[in-house]
Amino acid sequence: FPVTIHPISIGHQMTLPKDYEQLEDIQVILLELSEEVGRRARKHRYVAQTVSLGCRGGNFDLPQGFYHQQTLAYSTNATLPLYKACCDMLYRFWSGYPIRSLSITLSQLFSSDEYQFNLFHNQDKDERLHQAIDKLNDRFGAATLIRATSLTEAGQAKIRAKKIGG
């Protein structure tokens, strides 16, 4: 049967409370954003073939930034493959300027019921794990289960969970 490509995209953008200059701090935010867009895709039962990363600098007098996309080896809504693709783009295109805003967008979305089987990746195992995490966070609050990196000074997940709209 033919696979239907959905013409929508799912994304999340975060303006940071200060300029982030250290690669490790930026990676924390990328992981949190990857978790959020993956959660949104899973909620709507989509997997993505393409992930896009946008970075914007904090100096408005000297605008710096980039927006690039990468096609994934297999369609997914799992956090770590999305995060790895974003890190790859960050390593290639970021020239070290302070970052004030990051965005991740998933496109070329397919129904998660129609994904292509991959011999080298167990997508069902990822799906079950992420669904369990999503259910706990939906039931008890967005910061019920977060990654340890989000508890560092760079992390924003716990702070954002307390705000209206998260």
N, C-alpha and C. Protein backbone atom coordinates (compact mmCIF):
# COMPACT_ATOMS: atom_id res chain seq x y z
N PHE A 1 0.84 -1.19 0.00
CA PHE A 1 0.00 0.00 0.00
C PHE A 1 0.88 1.24 0.00
N PRO A 2 0.41 2.32 -0.60
CA PRO A 2 1.23 3.53 -0.68
C PRO A 2 1.34 4.22 0.67
N VAL A 3 2.49 4.80 0.93
CA VAL A 3 2.73 5.56 2.16
C VAL A 3 2.35 7.01 1.90
N THR A 4 1.61 7.59 2.82
CA THR A 4 1.15 8.96 2.69
C THR A 4 2.11 9.90 3.39
N ILE A 5 2.60 10.91 2.67
CA ILE A 5 3.40 11.96 3.30
C ILE A 5 2.45 13.06 3.74
N HIS A 6 2.56 13.45 4.98
CA HIS A 6 1.71 14.50 5.51
C HIS A 6 2.39 15.85 5.30
N PRO A 7 1.66 16.83 4.80
CA PRO A 7 2.28 18.10 4.40
C PRO A 7 2.57 19.05 5.54
N ILE A 8 2.46 18.61 6.77
CA ILE A 8 2.68 19.51 7.90
C ILE A 8 4.07 19.28 8.48
N SER A 9 4.44 20.15 9.38
CA SER A 9 5.70 19.98 10.11
C SER A 9 5.39 20.17 11.60
N ILE A 10 6.30 19.66 12.42
CA ILE A 10 6.18 19.81 13.87
C ILE A 10 7.50 20.39 14.36
N GLY A 11 7.42 21.43 15.15
CA GLY A 11 8.67 22.05 15.61
C GLY A 11 8.51 22.71 16.97
N HIS A 12 9.63 23.15 17.47
CA HIS A 12 9.65 23.90 18.73
C HIS A 12 10.85 24.84 18.69
N GLN A 13 10.65 26.04 19.16
CA GLN A 13 11.69 27.06 19.19
C GLN A 13 11.83 27.55 20.62
N MET A 14 13.06 27.84 21.02
CA MET A 14 13.29 28.32 22.37
C MET A 14 14.22 29.53 22.33
N THR A 15 13.75 30.64 22.88
CA THR A 15 14.62 31.79 23.09
C THR A 15 15.21 31.62 24.48
N LEU A 16 16.50 31.66 24.56
CA LEU A 16 17.21 31.37 25.81
C LEU A 16 17.28 32.60 26.70
N PRO A 17 17.34 32.43 28.01
CA PRO A 17 17.35 33.57 28.92
C PRO A 17 18.66 34.36 28.88
N LYS A 18 19.70 33.78 28.30
CA LYS A 18 20.99 34.45 28.16
C LYS A 18 21.69 33.85 26.94
N ASP A 19 22.76 34.47 26.52
CA ASP A 19 23.55 33.91 25.42
C ASP A 19 24.24 32.63 25.89
N TYR A 20 24.16 31.60 25.09
CA TYR A 20 24.86 30.34 25.36
C TYR A 20 26.09 30.30 24.46
N GLU A 21 27.26 30.16 25.06
CA GLU A 21 28.51 30.20 24.31
C GLU A 21 29.25 28.87 24.31
N GLN A 22 28.97 28.01 25.28
CA GLN A 22 29.67 26.74 25.41
C GLN A 22 28.92 25.64 24.67
N LEU A 23 29.65 24.84 23.92
CA LEU A 23 29.05 23.75 23.15
C LEU A 23 28.25 22.81 24.05
N GLU A 24 28.76 22.48 25.22
CA GLU A 24 28.08 21.56 26.13
C GLU A 24 26.72 22.11 26.57
N ASP A 25 26.65 23.41 26.82
CA ASP A 25 25.39 24.04 27.22
C ASP A 25 24.39 24.03 26.07
N ILE A 26 24.85 24.29 24.86
CA ILE A 26 23.98 24.29 23.69
C ILE A 26 23.44 22.88 23.44
N GLN A 27 24.28 21.88 23.66
CA GLN A 27 23.85 20.49 23.48
C GLN A 27 22.74 20.11 24.46
N VAL A 28 22.76 20.66 25.67
CA VAL A 28 21.69 20.40 26.64
C VAL A 28 20.37 20.91 26.08
N ILE A 29 20.38 22.11 25.53
CA ILE A 29 19.16 22.69 24.96
C ILE A 29 18.70 21.89 23.75
N LEU A 30 19.64 21.47 22.90
CA LEU A 30 19.27 20.65 21.74
C LEU A 30 18.60 19.35 22.18
N LEU A 31 19.09 18.74 23.24
CA LEU A 31 18.49 17.50 23.73
C LEU A 31 17.07 17.76 24.25
N GLU A 32 16.88 18.86 24.97
CA GLU A 32 15.54 19.20 25.45
C GLU A 32 14.58 19.49 24.29
N LEU A 33 15.05 20.20 23.29
CA LEU A 33 14.20 20.48 22.12
C LEU A 33 13.89 19.21 21.34
N SER A 34 14.88 18.33 21.21
CA SER A 34 14.66 17.05 20.52
C SER A 34 13.61 16.23 21.24
N GLU A 35 13.67 16.24 22.55
CA GLU A 35 12.68 15.53 23.37
C GLU A 35 11.28 16.10 23.13
N GLU A 36 11.19 17.43 23.09
CA GLU A 36 9.89 18.08 22.91
C GLU A 36 9.29 17.82 21.53
N VAL A 37 10.07 17.98 20.46
CA VAL A 37 9.50 17.75 19.13
C VAL A 37 9.20 16.27 18.91
N GLY A 38 10.02 15.40 19.48
CA GLY A 38 9.73 13.96 19.40
C GLY A 38 8.44 13.63 20.11
N ARG A 39 8.22 14.23 21.29
CA ARG A 39 6.98 14.01 22.04
C ARG A 39 5.77 14.48 21.25
N ARG A 40 5.89 15.63 20.62
CA ARG A 40 4.77 16.14 19.81
C ARG A 40 4.48 15.23 18.62
N ALA A 41 5.52 14.74 17.98
CA ALA A 41 5.33 13.83 16.84
C ALA A 41 4.67 12.53 17.31
N ARG A 42 5.12 12.00 18.45
CA ARG A 42 4.52 10.77 18.97
C ARG A 42 3.06 10.98 19.35
N LYS A 43 2.75 12.15 19.90
CA LYS A 43 1.37 12.45 20.29
C LYS A 43 0.43 12.39 19.09
N HIS A 44 0.91 12.85 17.94
CA HIS A 44 0.10 12.85 16.73
C HIS A 44 0.34 11.63 15.86
N ARG A 45 1.16 10.69 16.37
CA ARG A 45 1.48 9.43 15.70
C ARG A 45 2.16 9.63 14.35
N TYR A 46 3.19 10.48 14.36
CA TYR A 46 3.99 10.72 13.17
C TYR A 46 5.44 10.32 13.41
N VAL A 47 6.10 9.95 12.33
CA VAL A 47 7.55 9.81 12.30
C VAL A 47 8.04 10.75 11.21
N ALA A 48 9.27 11.25 11.37
CA ALA A 48 9.80 12.25 10.44
C ALA A 48 10.98 11.68 9.67
N GLN A 49 11.10 12.14 8.43
CA GLN A 49 12.24 11.77 7.60
C GLN A 49 13.29 12.88 7.59
N THR A 50 12.89 14.11 7.89
CA THR A 50 13.79 15.25 7.83
C THR A 50 13.73 16.05 9.12
N VAL A 51 14.90 16.45 9.62
CA VAL A 51 14.97 17.30 10.80
C VAL A 51 15.73 18.57 10.42
N SER A 52 15.25 19.71 10.89
CA SER A 52 15.87 21.00 10.61
C SER A 52 16.30 21.65 11.91
N LEU A 53 17.42 22.36 11.85
CA LEU A 53 17.95 23.07 13.01
C LEU A 53 18.15 24.53 12.65
N GLY A 54 17.63 25.39 13.50
CA GLY A 54 17.84 26.82 13.33
C GLY A 54 18.56 27.38 14.55
N CYS A 55 19.56 28.20 14.33
CA CYS A 55 20.31 28.87 15.40
C CYS A 55 20.35 30.35 15.09
N ARG A 56 20.20 31.17 16.14
CA ARG A 56 20.27 32.62 15.95
C ARG A 56 21.14 33.18 17.07
N GLY A 57 22.00 34.08 16.71
CA GLY A 57 22.87 34.73 17.69
C GLY A 57 22.14 35.78 18.50
N GLY A 58 22.79 36.21 19.56
CA GLY A 58 22.19 37.19 20.46
C GLY A 58 22.49 38.63 20.11
N ASN A 59 23.44 38.87 19.22
CA ASN A 59 23.81 40.23 18.85
C ASN A 59 22.94 40.69 17.67
N PHE A 60 21.98 41.57 17.95
CA PHE A 60 21.06 42.01 16.91
C PHE A 60 21.69 43.03 15.96
N ASP A 61 22.81 43.65 16.39
CA ASP A 61 23.51 44.57 15.51
C ASP A 61 24.33 43.83 14.46
N LEU A 62 24.74 42.62 14.78
CA LEU A 62 25.51 41.78 13.85
C LEU A 62 24.81 40.42 13.79
N PRO A 63 23.74 40.33 12.97
CA PRO A 63 22.96 39.10 12.95
C PRO A 63 23.79 37.91 12.47
N GLN A 64 23.75 36.83 13.24
CA GLN A 64 24.43 35.60 12.88
C GLN A 64 23.47 34.45 13.11
N GLY A 65 23.64 33.42 12.33
CA GLY A 65 22.81 32.24 12.53
C GLY A 65 22.76 31.40 11.28
N PHE A 66 22.01 30.32 11.38
CA PHE A 66 21.83 29.43 10.25
C PHE A 66 20.55 28.64 10.43
N TYR A 67 20.10 28.08 9.33
CA TYR A 67 18.96 27.17 9.31
C TYR A 67 19.27 26.10 8.28
N HIS A 68 19.44 24.86 8.72
CA HIS A 68 19.77 23.76 7.82
C HIS A 68 18.92 22.55 8.15
N GLN A 69 18.80 21.67 7.18
CA GLN A 69 18.04 20.44 7.41
C GLN A 69 18.85 19.24 6.99
N GLN A 70 18.49 18.11 7.57
CA GLN A 70 19.18 16.86 7.28
C GLN A 70 18.15 15.75 7.12
N THR A 71 18.31 14.94 6.09
CA THR A 71 17.46 13.78 5.90
C THR A 71 18.02 12.63 6.74
N LEU A 72 17.16 11.99 7.49
CA LEU A 72 17.57 10.91 8.37
C LEU A 72 17.68 9.60 7.60
N ALA A 73 18.46 8.67 8.13
CA ALA A 73 18.63 7.36 7.50
C ALA A 73 17.32 6.57 7.54
N TYR A 74 16.50 6.80 8.55
CA TYR A 74 15.21 6.15 8.68
C TYR A 74 14.26 7.11 9.39
N SER A 75 12.98 6.98 9.11
CA SER A 75 11.98 7.84 9.74
C SER A 75 11.87 7.50 11.22
N THR A 76 11.78 8.54 12.05
CA THR A 76 11.73 8.31 13.49
C THR A 76 11.05 9.47 14.20
N ASN A 77 10.64 9.20 15.42
CA ASN A 77 10.20 10.25 16.34
C ASN A 77 10.93 10.09 17.68
N ALA A 78 11.98 9.28 17.69
CA ALA A 78 12.77 9.02 18.90
C ALA A 78 13.73 10.18 19.15
N THR A 79 13.94 10.50 20.40
CA THR A 79 14.74 11.65 20.79
C THR A 79 16.19 11.58 20.32
N LEU A 80 16.86 10.48 20.59
CA LEU A 80 18.31 10.43 20.32
C LEU A 80 18.69 10.54 18.85
N PRO A 81 18.00 9.89 17.91
CA PRO A 81 18.36 10.13 16.51
C PRO A 81 18.14 11.58 16.07
N LEU A 82 17.09 12.21 16.60
CA LEU A 82 16.84 13.62 16.27
C LEU A 82 17.95 14.49 16.84
N TYR A 83 18.32 14.21 18.08
CA TYR A 83 19.38 14.95 18.76
C TYR A 83 20.71 14.80 18.02
N LYS A 84 21.04 13.58 17.63
CA LYS A 84 22.31 13.34 16.93
C LYS A 84 22.36 14.09 15.60
N ALA A 85 21.25 14.11 14.87
CA ALA A 85 21.21 14.85 13.61
C ALA A 85 21.41 16.35 13.86
N CYS A 86 20.79 16.88 14.91
CA CYS A 86 20.93 18.30 15.23
C CYS A 86 22.36 18.62 15.66
N CYS A 87 22.96 17.74 16.44
CA CYS A 87 24.36 17.95 16.84
C CYS A 87 25.28 17.94 15.61
N ASP A 88 25.03 17.05 14.68
CA ASP A 88 25.82 17.02 13.44
C ASP A 88 25.76 18.36 12.72
N MET A 89 24.55 18.91 12.61
CA MET A 89 24.39 20.20 11.93
C MET A 89 25.06 21.32 12.73
N LEU A 90 24.94 21.28 14.05
CA LEU A 90 25.57 22.29 14.88
C LEU A 90 27.08 22.27 14.69
N TYR A 91 27.68 21.09 14.72
CA TYR A 91 29.14 20.96 14.55
C TYR A 91 29.59 21.51 13.19
N ARG A 92 28.78 21.29 12.16
CA ARG A 92 29.16 21.72 10.81
C ARG A 92 28.98 23.21 10.57
N PHE A 93 27.94 23.80 11.14
CA PHE A 93 27.57 25.16 10.71
C PHE A 93 27.73 26.24 11.78
N TRP A 94 27.91 25.88 13.02
CA TRP A 94 28.06 26.90 14.08
C TRP A 94 29.52 27.35 14.11
N SER A 95 29.72 28.64 14.07
CA SER A 95 31.09 29.18 14.05
C SER A 95 31.55 29.72 15.40
N GLY A 96 30.82 29.41 16.47
CA GLY A 96 31.27 29.77 17.80
C GLY A 96 30.67 31.03 18.39
N TYR A 97 29.81 31.73 17.66
CA TYR A 97 29.18 32.94 18.19
C TYR A 97 28.17 32.58 19.28
N PRO A 98 27.88 33.49 20.20
CA PRO A 98 26.89 33.21 21.25
C PRO A 98 25.50 32.97 20.65
N ILE A 99 24.82 31.99 21.15
CA ILE A 99 23.49 31.62 20.64
C ILE A 99 22.42 32.07 21.63
N ARG A 100 21.37 32.69 21.10
CA ARG A 100 20.26 33.15 21.93
C ARG A 100 18.97 32.38 21.61
N SER A 101 18.86 31.78 20.43
CA SER A 101 17.63 31.10 20.05
C SER A 101 17.95 29.85 19.24
N LEU A 102 17.24 28.77 19.55
CA LEU A 102 17.39 27.50 18.83
C LEU A 102 16.00 26.99 18.44
N SER A 103 15.93 26.34 17.29
CA SER A 103 14.67 25.72 16.89
C SER A 103 14.95 24.40 16.19
N ILE A 104 14.05 23.45 16.39
CA ILE A 104 14.10 22.16 15.71
C ILE A 104 12.74 21.93 15.08
N THR A 105 12.75 21.52 13.81
CA THR A 105 11.51 21.25 13.09
C THR A 105 11.62 19.89 12.41
N LEU A 106 10.55 19.11 12.51
CA LEU A 106 10.46 17.83 11.82
C LEU A 106 9.55 17.99 10.62
N SER A 107 9.97 17.46 9.48
CA SER A 107 9.14 17.52 8.28
C SER A 107 9.22 16.19 7.55
N GLN A 108 8.53 16.13 6.43
CA GLN A 108 8.33 14.86 5.71
C GLN A 108 7.81 13.83 6.70
N LEU A 109 6.63 14.14 7.24
CA LEU A 109 6.03 13.32 8.28
C LEU A 109 5.19 12.20 7.68
N PHE A 110 5.30 11.02 8.27
CA PHE A 110 4.53 9.86 7.89
C PHE A 110 3.79 9.37 9.12
N SER A 111 2.69 8.68 8.92
CA SER A 111 2.01 8.05 10.04
C SER A 111 2.95 7.01 10.64
N SER A 112 3.02 6.95 11.97
CA SER A 112 3.91 5.98 12.60
C SER A 112 3.43 4.55 12.37
N ASP A 113 2.20 4.39 11.90
CA ASP A 113 1.69 3.06 11.56
C ASP A 113 2.20 2.59 10.20
N GLU A 114 2.76 3.51 9.41
CA GLU A 114 3.18 3.20 8.05
C GLU A 114 4.68 3.25 7.84
N TYR A 115 5.48 3.31 8.93
CA TYR A 115 6.91 3.46 8.75
C TYR A 115 7.53 2.21 8.10
N GLN A 116 8.65 2.41 7.44
CA GLN A 116 9.35 1.31 6.79
C GLN A 116 10.21 0.57 7.81
N PHE A 117 10.13 -0.72 7.81
CA PHE A 117 10.90 -1.55 8.73
C PHE A 117 12.39 -1.42 8.44
N ASN A 118 13.20 -1.31 9.49
CA ASN A 118 14.65 -1.18 9.35
C ASN A 118 15.31 -2.35 10.09
N LEU A 119 16.11 -3.10 9.41
CA LEU A 119 16.77 -4.26 10.01
C LEU A 119 17.77 -3.87 11.10
N PHE A 120 18.31 -2.66 11.04
CA PHE A 120 19.38 -2.25 11.93
C PHE A 120 18.92 -1.39 13.10
N HIS A 121 17.63 -1.15 13.19
CA HIS A 121 17.12 -0.30 14.26
C HIS A 121 15.77 -0.84 14.73
N ASN A 122 15.62 -1.04 16.03
CA ASN A 122 14.39 -1.56 16.61
C ASN A 122 13.48 -0.40 16.98
N GLN A 123 12.69 0.04 16.02
CA GLN A 123 11.82 1.20 16.24
C GLN A 123 10.69 0.89 17.22
N ASP A 124 10.22 -0.36 17.26
CA ASP A 124 9.15 -0.71 18.19
C ASP A 124 9.60 -0.54 19.64
N LYS A 125 10.83 -0.92 19.94
CA LYS A 125 11.36 -0.78 21.29
C LYS A 125 11.43 0.70 21.68
N ASP A 126 11.96 1.55 20.78
CA ASP A 126 12.00 3.00 21.02
C ASP A 126 10.60 3.56 21.25
N GLU A 127 9.67 3.12 20.42
CA GLU A 127 8.30 3.63 20.49
C GLU A 127 7.68 3.31 21.85
N ARG A 128 7.82 2.09 22.32
CA ARG A 128 7.25 1.69 23.61
C ARG A 128 7.87 2.48 24.76
N LEU A 129 9.18 2.65 24.73
CA LEU A 129 9.87 3.40 25.78
C LEU A 129 9.39 4.85 25.81
N HIS A 130 9.37 5.49 24.65
CA HIS A 130 8.96 6.90 24.60
C HIS A 130 7.48 7.07 24.96
N GLN A 131 6.64 6.14 24.56
CA GLN A 131 5.22 6.24 24.93
C GLN A 131 5.04 6.17 26.44
N ALA A 132 5.81 5.30 27.10
CA ALA A 132 5.71 5.19 28.56
C ALA A 132 6.16 6.49 29.23
N ILE A 133 7.25 7.06 28.76
CA ILE A 133 7.74 8.33 29.31
C ILE A 133 6.72 9.43 29.08
N ASP A 134 6.17 9.49 27.87
CA ASP A 134 5.17 10.52 27.54
C ASP A 134 3.93 10.40 28.42
N LYS A 135 3.48 9.17 28.65
CA LYS A 135 2.28 8.98 29.50
C LYS A 135 2.53 9.47 30.93
N LEU A 136 3.70 9.16 31.48
CA LEU A 136 4.02 9.63 32.83
C LEU A 136 4.10 11.15 32.89
N ASN A 137 4.73 11.77 31.90
CA ASN A 137 4.83 13.23 31.88
C ASN A 137 3.48 13.89 31.66
N ASP A 138 2.62 13.27 30.84
CA ASP A 138 1.27 13.82 30.64
C ASP A 138 0.45 13.72 31.91
N ARG A 139 0.60 12.64 32.64
CA ARG A 139 -0.21 12.41 33.83
C ARG A 139 0.25 13.21 35.03
N PHE A 140 1.57 13.29 35.24
CA PHE A 140 2.09 13.89 36.47
C PHE A 140 2.81 15.23 36.26
N GLY A 141 2.91 15.70 35.04
CA GLY A 141 3.56 16.98 34.77
C GLY A 141 4.76 16.82 33.86
N ALA A 142 5.04 17.87 33.11
CA ALA A 142 6.07 17.83 32.06
C ALA A 142 7.47 17.55 32.59
N ALA A 143 7.73 17.82 33.85
CA ALA A 143 9.07 17.61 34.40
C ALA A 143 9.15 16.37 35.29
N THR A 144 8.18 15.46 35.16
CA THR A 144 8.20 14.25 35.97
C THR A 144 9.43 13.41 35.65
N LEU A 145 9.64 13.13 34.38
CA LEU A 145 10.83 12.40 33.93
C LEU A 145 11.59 13.29 32.96
N ILE A 146 12.72 13.79 33.41
CA ILE A 146 13.58 14.57 32.52
C ILE A 146 14.98 13.98 32.60
N ARG A 147 15.78 14.31 31.63
CA ARG A 147 17.15 13.81 31.59
C ARG A 147 18.01 14.57 32.61
N ALA A 148 19.02 13.90 33.11
CA ALA A 148 19.89 14.50 34.12
C ALA A 148 20.56 15.77 33.61
N THR A 149 20.85 15.85 32.32
CA THR A 149 21.48 17.06 31.79
C THR A 149 20.59 18.28 31.95
N SER A 150 19.29 18.06 32.02
CA SER A 150 18.36 19.18 32.20
C SER A 150 18.42 19.75 33.61
N LEU A 151 19.08 19.05 34.53
CA LEU A 151 19.25 19.56 35.89
C LEU A 151 20.50 20.40 36.04
N THR A 152 21.31 20.50 34.99
CA THR A 152 22.49 21.35 35.03
C THR A 152 22.09 22.81 34.91
N GLU A 153 23.04 23.69 35.09
CA GLU A 153 22.77 25.13 35.00
C GLU A 153 22.24 25.53 33.62
N ALA A 154 22.68 24.82 32.58
CA ALA A 154 22.25 25.15 31.22
C ALA A 154 20.82 24.71 30.93
N GLY A 155 20.32 23.71 31.64
CA GLY A 155 19.01 23.15 31.36
C GLY A 155 17.87 24.12 31.57
N GLN A 156 16.87 24.01 30.73
CA GLN A 156 15.68 24.87 30.81
C GLN A 156 14.39 24.08 31.01
N ALA A 157 14.42 22.76 30.91
CA ALA A 157 13.20 21.95 30.94
C ALA A 157 12.43 22.11 32.25
N LYS A 158 13.11 22.06 33.36
CA LYS A 158 12.43 22.15 34.65
C LYS A 158 11.83 23.55 34.86
N ILE A 159 12.56 24.57 34.44
CA ILE A 159 12.09 25.95 34.55
C ILE A 159 10.87 26.17 33.66
N ARG A 160 10.95 25.68 32.42
CA ARG A 160 9.84 25.86 31.48
C ARG A 160 8.61 25.09 31.88
N ALA A 161 8.79 23.95 32.54
CA ALA A 161 7.63 23.15 32.97
C ALA A 161 6.77 23.89 33.98
N LYS A 162 7.36 24.82 34.72
CA LYS A 162 6.61 25.58 35.73
C LYS A 162 5.85 26.76 35.14
N LYS A 163 6.16 27.11 33.89
CA LYS A 163 5.52 28.27 33.27
C LYS A 163 4.24 27.87 32.55
N ILE A 164 3.33 28.81 32.40
CA ILE A 164 2.10 28.57 31.68
C ILE A 164 2.46 28.29 30.22
N GLY A 165 1.98 27.19 29.69
CA GLY A 165 2.26 26.82 28.31
C GLY A 165 3.56 26.06 28.16
N GLY A 166 4.37 25.99 29.21
CA GLY A 166 5.61 25.20 29.24
C GLY A 166 6.58 25.65 28.23
